[in-house]
Amino acid sequence: RFTISRDAAKNTVYLQMNSLTPEDTAVYYCA
């Protein structure tokens, strides 16, 4: 359901979240 990727040129990491359910409700932290 989730895919993580990064764009080195933009120094950015992404988390694509699909088919979300209420159980995915949370504060999401990058580390």
Full PDB file with SEQRES, HELIX, SHEET, SSBOND, CRYST1, ORIGX, SCALE, CONECT and MASTER records, all heavy atoms in Angstrom:
SEQRES   1 A   31  ARG PHE THR ILE SER ARG ASP ALA ALA LYS ASN THR VAL          
SEQRES   2 A   31  TYR LEU GLN MET ASN SER LEU THR PRO GLU ASP THR ALA          
SEQRES   3 A   31  VAL TYR TYR CYS ALA                                          
HELIX    1 AA1 ALA A    8  LYS A   10  5                                   3    
HELIX    2 AA2 PRO A   22  ASP A   24  5                                   3    
SHEET    1 AA1 2 PHE A   2  ASP A   7  0                                        
SHEET    2 AA1 2 THR A  12  MET A  17 -1                                        
CRYST1    1.000    1.000    1.000  90.00  90.00  90.00 P 1           1          
ORIGX1      1.000000  0.000000  0.000000        0.00000                         
ORIGX2      0.000000  1.000000  0.000000        0.00000                         
ORIGX3      0.000000  0.000000  1.000000        0.00000                         
SCALE1      1.000000  0.000000  0.000000        0.00000                         
SCALE2      0.000000  1.000000  0.000000        0.00000                         
SCALE3      0.000000  0.000000  1.000000        0.00000                         
ATOM      1  N   ARG A   1       0.827  -1.215   0.000  1.00  0.00           N  
ATOM      2  CA  ARG A   1       0.000   0.000   0.000  1.00  0.00           C  
ATOM      3  C   ARG A   1       0.859   1.261   0.000  1.00  0.00           C  
ATOM      4  O   ARG A   1       0.495   2.264  -0.607  1.00  0.00           O  
ATOM      5  CB  ARG A   1      -0.911   0.024   1.228  1.00  0.00           C  
ATOM      6  CG  ARG A   1      -1.881  -1.135   1.309  1.00  0.00           C  
ATOM      7  CD  ARG A   1      -2.883  -0.937   2.439  1.00  0.00           C  
ATOM      8  NE  ARG A   1      -2.261  -0.823   3.745  1.00  0.00           N  
ATOM      9  CZ  ARG A   1      -2.420   0.213   4.571  1.00  0.00           C  
ATOM     10  NH1 ARG A   1      -3.190   1.229   4.222  1.00  0.00           N  
ATOM     11  NH2 ARG A   1      -1.827   0.216   5.762  1.00  0.00           N  
ATOM     12  N   PHE A   2       1.979   1.230   0.692  1.00  0.00           N  
ATOM     13  CA  PHE A   2       2.856   2.394   0.824  1.00  0.00           C  
ATOM     14  C   PHE A   2       4.123   2.182   0.005  1.00  0.00           C  
ATOM     15  O   PHE A   2       4.639   1.066  -0.079  1.00  0.00           O  
ATOM     16  CB  PHE A   2       3.259   2.632   2.274  1.00  0.00           C  
ATOM     17  CG  PHE A   2       2.160   3.094   3.188  1.00  0.00           C  
ATOM     18  CD1 PHE A   2       0.828   3.074   2.815  1.00  0.00           C  
ATOM     19  CD2 PHE A   2       2.478   3.564   4.464  1.00  0.00           C  
ATOM     20  CE1 PHE A   2      -0.178   3.502   3.663  1.00  0.00           C  
ATOM     21  CE2 PHE A   2       1.493   4.000   5.328  1.00  0.00           C  
ATOM     22  CZ  PHE A   2       0.153   3.957   4.916  1.00  0.00           C  
ATOM     23  N   THR A   3       4.623   3.267  -0.555  1.00  0.00           N  
ATOM     24  CA  THR A   3       5.876   3.234  -1.299  1.00  0.00           C  
ATOM     25  C   THR A   3       6.759   4.387  -0.831  1.00  0.00           C  
ATOM     26  O   THR A   3       6.296   5.524  -0.751  1.00  0.00           O  
ATOM     27  CB  THR A   3       5.627   3.377  -2.808  1.00  0.00           C  
ATOM     28  OG1 THR A   3       4.750   2.331  -3.246  1.00  0.00           O  
ATOM     29  CG2 THR A   3       6.936   3.287  -3.592  1.00  0.00           C  
ATOM     30  N   ILE A   4       8.014   4.090  -0.536  1.00  0.00           N  
ATOM     31  CA  ILE A   4       8.958   5.124  -0.140  1.00  0.00           C  
ATOM     32  C   ILE A   4       9.931   5.352  -1.286  1.00  0.00           C  
ATOM     33  O   ILE A   4      10.334   4.413  -1.976  1.00  0.00           O  
ATOM     34  CB  ILE A   4       9.693   4.734   1.165  1.00  0.00           C  
ATOM     35  CG1 ILE A   4      10.536   5.907   1.685  1.00  0.00           C  
ATOM     36  CG2 ILE A   4      10.528   3.485   0.979  1.00  0.00           C  
ATOM     37  CD1 ILE A   4      11.109   5.674   3.083  1.00  0.00           C  
ATOM     38  N   SER A   5      10.292   6.607  -1.497  1.00  0.00           N  
ATOM     39  CA  SER A   5      11.241   6.944  -2.554  1.00  0.00           C  
ATOM     40  C   SER A   5      12.015   8.188  -2.136  1.00  0.00           C  
ATOM     41  O   SER A   5      11.660   8.843  -1.152  1.00  0.00           O  
ATOM     42  CB  SER A   5      10.501   7.197  -3.870  1.00  0.00           C  
ATOM     43  OG  SER A   5       9.612   8.290  -3.749  1.00  0.00           O  
ATOM     44  N   ARG A   6      13.080   8.479  -2.887  1.00  0.00           N  
ATOM     45  CA  ARG A   6      13.818   9.711  -2.593  1.00  0.00           C  
ATOM     46  C   ARG A   6      14.267  10.364  -3.884  1.00  0.00           C  
ATOM     47  O   ARG A   6      14.506   9.701  -4.882  1.00  0.00           O  
ATOM     48  CB  ARG A   6      15.019   9.467  -1.664  1.00  0.00           C  
ATOM     49  CG  ARG A   6      16.343   9.125  -2.395  1.00  0.00           C  
ATOM     50  CD  ARG A   6      16.545   7.691  -2.502  1.00  0.00           C  
ATOM     51  NE  ARG A   6      17.845   7.324  -3.012  1.00  0.00           N  
ATOM     52  CZ  ARG A   6      18.056   6.922  -4.250  1.00  0.00           C  
ATOM     53  NH1 ARG A   6      17.068   6.928  -5.131  1.00  0.00           N  
ATOM     54  NH2 ARG A   6      19.246   6.534  -4.630  1.00  0.00           N  
ATOM     55  N   ASP A   7      14.349  11.685  -3.828  1.00  0.00           N  
ATOM     56  CA  ASP A   7      14.854  12.486  -4.932  1.00  0.00           C  
ATOM     57  C   ASP A   7      16.119  13.163  -4.428  1.00  0.00           C  
ATOM     58  O   ASP A   7      16.044  14.125  -3.664  1.00  0.00           O  
ATOM     59  CB  ASP A   7      13.802  13.512  -5.351  1.00  0.00           C  
ATOM     60  CG  ASP A   7      14.211  14.313  -6.578  1.00  0.00           C  
ATOM     61  OD1 ASP A   7      15.430  14.503  -6.779  1.00  0.00           O  
ATOM     62  OD2 ASP A   7      13.319  14.753  -7.307  1.00  0.00           O  
ATOM     63  N   ALA A   8      17.263  12.616  -4.834  1.00  0.00           N  
ATOM     64  CA  ALA A   8      18.530  13.122  -4.321  1.00  0.00           C  
ATOM     65  C   ALA A   8      18.753  14.577  -4.719  1.00  0.00           C  
ATOM     66  O   ALA A   8      19.312  15.359  -3.954  1.00  0.00           O  
ATOM     67  CB  ALA A   8      19.679  12.241  -4.799  1.00  0.00           C  
ATOM     68  N   ALA A   9      18.323  14.951  -5.901  1.00  0.00           N  
ATOM     69  CA  ALA A   9      18.528  16.323  -6.365  1.00  0.00           C  
ATOM     70  C   ALA A   9      17.774  17.326  -5.509  1.00  0.00           C  
ATOM     71  O   ALA A   9      18.212  18.457  -5.311  1.00  0.00           O  
ATOM     72  CB  ALA A   9      18.101  16.442  -7.824  1.00  0.00           C  
ATOM     73  N   LYS A  10      16.633  16.899  -4.978  1.00  0.00           N  
ATOM     74  CA  LYS A  10      15.817  17.786  -4.138  1.00  0.00           C  
ATOM     75  C   LYS A  10      16.029  17.536  -2.660  1.00  0.00           C  
ATOM     76  O   LYS A  10      15.393  18.192  -1.824  1.00  0.00           O  
ATOM     77  CB  LYS A  10      14.336  17.610  -4.485  1.00  0.00           C  
ATOM     78  CG  LYS A  10      13.982  18.030  -5.895  1.00  0.00           C  
ATOM     79  CD  LYS A  10      12.484  17.879  -6.139  1.00  0.00           C  
ATOM     80  CE  LYS A  10      12.106  18.355  -7.540  1.00  0.00           C  
ATOM     81  NZ  LYS A  10      10.659  18.211  -7.804  1.00  0.00           N  
ATOM     82  N   ASN A  11      16.883  16.581  -2.325  1.00  0.00           N  
ATOM     83  CA  ASN A  11      17.108  16.227  -0.914  1.00  0.00           C  
ATOM     84  C   ASN A  11      15.787  15.949  -0.194  1.00  0.00           C  
ATOM     85  O   ASN A  11      15.566  16.397   0.933  1.00  0.00           O  
ATOM     86  CB  ASN A  11      17.866  17.346  -0.191  1.00  0.00           C  
ATOM     87  CG  ASN A  11      19.304  16.961   0.086  1.00  0.00           C  
ATOM     88  OD1 ASN A  11      19.858  16.076  -0.557  1.00  0.00           O  
ATOM     89  ND2 ASN A  11      19.906  17.614   1.058  1.00  0.00           N  
ATOM     90  N   THR A  12      14.929  15.201  -0.859  1.00  0.00           N  
ATOM     91  CA  THR A  12      13.589  14.960  -0.334  1.00  0.00           C  
ATOM     92  C   THR A  12      13.253  13.478  -0.403  1.00  0.00           C  
ATOM     93  O   THR A  12      13.584  12.804  -1.383  1.00  0.00           O  
ATOM     94  CB  THR A  12      12.550  15.776  -1.123  1.00  0.00           C  
ATOM     95  OG1 THR A  12      12.857  17.166  -1.006  1.00  0.00           O  
ATOM     96  CG2 THR A  12      11.146  15.532  -0.590  1.00  0.00           C  
ATOM     97  N   VAL A  13      12.611  13.004   0.646  1.00  0.00           N  
ATOM     98  CA  VAL A  13      12.116  11.627   0.724  1.00  0.00           C  
ATOM     99  C   VAL A  13      10.589  11.681   0.706  1.00  0.00           C  
ATOM    100  O   VAL A  13       9.992  12.564   1.328  1.00  0.00           O  
ATOM    101  CB  VAL A  13      12.613  10.933   1.997  1.00  0.00           C  
ATOM    102  CG1 VAL A  13      12.042   9.534   2.109  1.00  0.00           C  
ATOM    103  CG2 VAL A  13      14.138  10.878   2.010  1.00  0.00           C  
ATOM    104  N   TYR A  14       9.994  10.752   0.004  1.00  0.00           N  
ATOM    105  CA  TYR A  14       8.546  10.721  -0.132  1.00  0.00           C  
ATOM    106  C   TYR A  14       7.974   9.426   0.432  1.00  0.00           C  
ATOM    107  O   TYR A  14       8.628   8.385   0.419  1.00  0.00           O  
ATOM    108  CB  TYR A  14       8.153  10.826  -1.606  1.00  0.00           C  
ATOM    109  CG  TYR A  14       8.669  12.060  -2.289  1.00  0.00           C  
ATOM    110  CD1 TYR A  14       9.827  12.005  -3.069  1.00  0.00           C  
ATOM    111  CD2 TYR A  14       8.018  13.277  -2.144  1.00  0.00           C  
ATOM    112  CE1 TYR A  14      10.317  13.141  -3.711  1.00  0.00           C  
ATOM    113  CE2 TYR A  14       8.497  14.417  -2.769  1.00  0.00           C  
ATOM    114  CZ  TYR A  14       9.643  14.343  -3.548  1.00  0.00           C  
ATOM    115  OH  TYR A  14      10.133  15.462  -4.158  1.00  0.00           O  
ATOM    116  N   LEU A  15       6.732   9.512   0.894  1.00  0.00           N  
ATOM    117  CA  LEU A  15       5.984   8.325   1.290  1.00  0.00           C  
ATOM    118  C   LEU A  15       4.629   8.405   0.606  1.00  0.00           C  
ATOM    119  O   LEU A  15       3.784   9.214   0.986  1.00  0.00           O  
ATOM    120  CB  LEU A  15       5.822   8.246   2.812  1.00  0.00           C  
ATOM    121  CG  LEU A  15       5.156   6.963   3.308  1.00  0.00           C  
ATOM    122  CD1 LEU A  15       6.080   5.761   3.070  1.00  0.00           C  
ATOM    123  CD2 LEU A  15       4.799   7.062   4.793  1.00  0.00           C  
ATOM    124  N   GLN A  16       4.459   7.591  -0.418  1.00  0.00           N  
ATOM    125  CA  GLN A  16       3.185   7.506  -1.118  1.00  0.00           C  
ATOM    126  C   GLN A  16       2.321   6.486  -0.398  1.00  0.00           C  
ATOM    127  O   GLN A  16       2.710   5.328  -0.264  1.00  0.00           O  
ATOM    128  CB  GLN A  16       3.398   7.086  -2.575  1.00  0.00           C  
ATOM    129  CG  GLN A  16       2.120   6.914  -3.355  1.00  0.00           C  
ATOM    130  CD  GLN A  16       1.365   8.216  -3.558  1.00  0.00           C  
ATOM    131  OE1 GLN A  16       1.972   9.243  -3.880  1.00  0.00           O  
ATOM    132  NE2 GLN A  16       0.051   8.178  -3.372  1.00  0.00           N  
ATOM    133  N   MET A  17       1.160   6.927   0.057  1.00  0.00           N  
ATOM    134  CA  MET A  17       0.281   6.063   0.841  1.00  0.00           C  
ATOM    135  C   MET A  17      -1.029   5.882   0.092  1.00  0.00           C  
ATOM    136  O   MET A  17      -1.746   6.861  -0.153  1.00  0.00           O  
ATOM    137  CB  MET A  17       0.018   6.690   2.209  1.00  0.00           C  
ATOM    138  CG  MET A  17       1.289   7.040   2.971  1.00  0.00           C  
ATOM    139  SD  MET A  17       0.974   7.632   4.645  1.00  0.00           S  
ATOM    140  CE  MET A  17       0.069   9.142   4.301  1.00  0.00           C  
ATOM    141  N   ASN A  18      -1.317   4.637  -0.275  1.00  0.00           N  
ATOM    142  CA  ASN A  18      -2.545   4.309  -0.993  1.00  0.00           C  
ATOM    143  C   ASN A  18      -3.419   3.397  -0.152  1.00  0.00           C  
ATOM    144  O   ASN A  18      -2.953   2.800   0.827  1.00  0.00           O  
ATOM    145  CB  ASN A  18      -2.208   3.629  -2.316  1.00  0.00           C  
ATOM    146  CG  ASN A  18      -1.387   4.508  -3.236  1.00  0.00           C  
ATOM    147  OD1 ASN A  18      -1.532   5.731  -3.245  1.00  0.00           O  
ATOM    148  ND2 ASN A  18      -0.519   3.890  -4.018  1.00  0.00           N  
ATOM    149  N   SER A  19      -4.680   3.278  -0.538  1.00  0.00           N  
ATOM    150  CA  SER A  19      -5.632   2.390   0.147  1.00  0.00           C  
ATOM    151  C   SER A  19      -5.613   2.627   1.645  1.00  0.00           C  
ATOM    152  O   SER A  19      -5.538   1.678   2.441  1.00  0.00           O  
ATOM    153  CB  SER A  19      -5.305   0.922  -0.173  1.00  0.00           C  
ATOM    154  OG  SER A  19      -5.336   0.687  -1.562  1.00  0.00           O  
ATOM    155  N   LEU A  20      -5.684   3.861   2.024  1.00  0.00           N  
ATOM    156  CA  LEU A  20      -5.592   4.215   3.444  1.00  0.00           C  
ATOM    157  C   LEU A  20      -6.820   3.720   4.209  1.00  0.00           C  
ATOM    158  O   LEU A  20      -7.935   3.685   3.677  1.00  0.00           O  
ATOM    159  CB  LEU A  20      -5.447   5.719   3.594  1.00  0.00           C  
ATOM    160  CG  LEU A  20      -4.049   6.263   3.225  1.00  0.00           C  
ATOM    161  CD1 LEU A  20      -4.096   7.758   2.967  1.00  0.00           C  
ATOM    162  CD2 LEU A  20      -3.058   5.941   4.322  1.00  0.00           C  
ATOM    163  N   THR A  21      -6.592   3.344   5.444  1.00  0.00           N  
ATOM    164  CA  THR A  21      -7.650   2.901   6.349  1.00  0.00           C  
ATOM    165  C   THR A  21      -7.591   3.751   7.620  1.00  0.00           C  
ATOM    166  O   THR A  21      -6.562   4.395   7.896  1.00  0.00           O  
ATOM    167  CB  THR A  21      -7.476   1.430   6.719  1.00  0.00           C  
ATOM    168  OG1 THR A  21      -6.388   1.305   7.641  1.00  0.00           O  
ATOM    169  CG2 THR A  21      -7.206   0.559   5.494  1.00  0.00           C  
ATOM    170  N   PRO A  22      -8.657   3.749   8.411  1.00  0.00           N  
ATOM    171  CA  PRO A  22      -8.620   4.517   9.676  1.00  0.00           C  
ATOM    172  C   PRO A  22      -7.471   4.101  10.586  1.00  0.00           C  
ATOM    173  O   PRO A  22      -6.986   4.912  11.386  1.00  0.00           O  
ATOM    174  CB  PRO A  22      -9.976   4.202  10.298  1.00  0.00           C  
ATOM    175  CG  PRO A  22     -10.873   3.962   9.124  1.00  0.00           C  
ATOM    176  CD  PRO A  22     -10.006   3.253   8.122  1.00  0.00           C  
ATOM    177  N   GLU A  23      -7.007   2.867  10.448  1.00  0.00           N  
ATOM    178  CA  GLU A  23      -5.887   2.400  11.268  1.00  0.00           C  
ATOM    179  C   GLU A  23      -4.571   3.074  10.898  1.00  0.00           C  
ATOM    180  O   GLU A  23      -3.585   2.972  11.632  1.00  0.00           O  
ATOM    181  CB  GLU A  23      -5.725   0.886  11.144  1.00  0.00           C  
ATOM    182  CG  GLU A  23      -6.804   0.064  11.847  1.00  0.00           C  
ATOM    183  CD  GLU A  23      -8.169   0.187  11.186  1.00  0.00           C  
ATOM    184  OE1 GLU A  23      -8.222   0.267   9.940  1.00  0.00           O  
ATOM    185  OE2 GLU A  23      -9.186   0.203  11.911  1.00  0.00           O  
ATOM    186  N   ASP A  24      -4.527   3.763   9.777  1.00  0.00           N  
ATOM    187  CA  ASP A  24      -3.329   4.503   9.381  1.00  0.00           C  
ATOM    188  C   ASP A  24      -3.295   5.908   9.992  1.00  0.00           C  
ATOM    189  O   ASP A  24      -2.311   6.631   9.813  1.00  0.00           O  
ATOM    190  CB  ASP A  24      -3.257   4.624   7.855  1.00  0.00           C  
ATOM    191  CG  ASP A  24      -3.092   3.283   7.170  1.00  0.00           C  
ATOM    192  OD1 ASP A  24      -2.238   2.493   7.618  1.00  0.00           O  
ATOM    193  OD2 ASP A  24      -3.817   3.032   6.188  1.00  0.00           O  
ATOM    194  N   THR A  25      -4.350   6.292  10.686  1.00  0.00           N  
ATOM    195  CA  THR A  25      -4.391   7.601  11.327  1.00  0.00           C  
ATOM    196  C   THR A  25      -3.301   7.713  12.379  1.00  0.00           C  
ATOM    197  O   THR A  25      -3.202   6.873  13.286  1.00  0.00           O  
ATOM    198  CB  THR A  25      -5.762   7.841  11.968  1.00  0.00           C  
ATOM    199  OG1 THR A  25      -6.753   7.902  10.937  1.00  0.00           O  
ATOM    200  CG2 THR A  25      -5.776   9.140  12.766  1.00  0.00           C  
ATOM    201  N   ALA A  26      -2.461   8.741  12.241  1.00  0.00           N  
ATOM    202  CA  ALA A  26      -1.330   8.923  13.155  1.00  0.00           C  
ATOM    203  C   ALA A  26      -0.585  10.199  12.774  1.00  0.00           C  
ATOM    204  O   ALA A  26      -0.848  10.783  11.715  1.00  0.00           O  
ATOM    205  CB  ALA A  26      -0.370   7.736  13.073  1.00  0.00           C  
ATOM    206  N   VAL A  27       0.327  10.588  13.627  1.00  0.00           N  
ATOM    207  CA  VAL A  27       1.322  11.591  13.246  1.00  0.00           C  
ATOM    208  C   VAL A  27       2.488  10.839  12.608  1.00  0.00           C  
ATOM    209  O   VAL A  27       2.998   9.885  13.194  1.00  0.00           O  
ATOM    210  CB  VAL A  27       1.804  12.409  14.451  1.00  0.00           C  
ATOM    211  CG1 VAL A  27       2.895  13.392  14.021  1.00  0.00           C  
ATOM    212  CG2 VAL A  27       0.641  13.135  15.103  1.00  0.00           C  
ATOM    213  N   TYR A  28       2.886  11.273  11.436  1.00  0.00           N  
ATOM    214  CA  TYR A  28       3.958  10.609  10.697  1.00  0.00           C  
ATOM    215  C   TYR A  28       5.230  11.435  10.807  1.00  0.00           C  
ATOM    216  O   TYR A  28       5.229  12.642  10.567  1.00  0.00           O  
ATOM    217  CB  TYR A  28       3.557  10.436   9.236  1.00  0.00           C  
ATOM    218  CG  TYR A  28       2.592   9.303   9.025  1.00  0.00           C  
ATOM    219  CD1 TYR A  28       1.274   9.393   9.472  1.00  0.00           C  
ATOM    220  CD2 TYR A  28       2.994   8.112   8.418  1.00  0.00           C  
ATOM    221  CE1 TYR A  28       0.384   8.344   9.318  1.00  0.00           C  
ATOM    222  CE2 TYR A  28       2.107   7.061   8.244  1.00  0.00           C  
ATOM    223  CZ  TYR A  28       0.812   7.183   8.696  1.00  0.00           C  
ATOM    224  OH  TYR A  28      -0.067   6.132   8.540  1.00  0.00           O  
ATOM    225  N   TYR A  29       6.313  10.746  11.156  1.00  0.00           N  
ATOM    226  CA  TYR A  29       7.602  11.391  11.377  1.00  0.00           C  
ATOM    227  C   TYR A  29       8.644  10.875  10.394  1.00  0.00           C  
ATOM    228  O   TYR A  29       8.717   9.671  10.130  1.00  0.00           O  
ATOM    229  CB  TYR A  29       8.117  11.108  12.789  1.00  0.00           C  
ATOM    230  CG  TYR A  29       7.255  11.648  13.896  1.00  0.00           C  
ATOM    231  CD1 TYR A  29       6.238  10.886  14.443  1.00  0.00           C  
ATOM    232  CD2 TYR A  29       7.469  12.936  14.391  1.00  0.00           C  
ATOM    233  CE1 TYR A  29       5.439  11.377  15.457  1.00  0.00           C  
ATOM    234  CE2 TYR A  29       6.676  13.437  15.412  1.00  0.00           C  
ATOM    235  CZ  TYR A  29       5.668  12.653  15.943  1.00  0.00           C  
ATOM    236  OH  TYR A  29       4.887  13.153  16.954  1.00  0.00           O  
ATOM    237  N   CYS A  30       9.439  11.791   9.912  1.00  0.00           N  
ATOM    238  CA  CYS A  30      10.601  11.459   9.097  1.00  0.00           C  
ATOM    239  C   CYS A  30      11.827  11.412  10.002  1.00  0.00           C  
ATOM    240  O   CYS A  30      11.929  12.203  10.959  1.00  0.00           O  
ATOM    241  CB  CYS A  30      10.767  12.537   8.027  1.00  0.00           C  
ATOM    242  SG  CYS A  30      12.208  12.361   6.975  1.00  0.00           S  
ATOM    243  N   ALA A  31      12.745  10.486   9.718  1.00  0.00           N  
ATOM    244  CA  ALA A  31      13.939  10.349  10.550  1.00  0.00           C  
ATOM    245  C   ALA A  31      15.142   9.995   9.687  1.00  0.00           C  
ATOM    246  O   ALA A  31      14.984   9.414   8.607  1.00  0.00           O  
ATOM    247  CB  ALA A  31      13.724   9.278  11.612  1.00  0.00           C  
TER     248      ALA A  31                                                      
MASTER        0    0    0    2    2    0    0    6  247    1    0    3          
END                                                                             
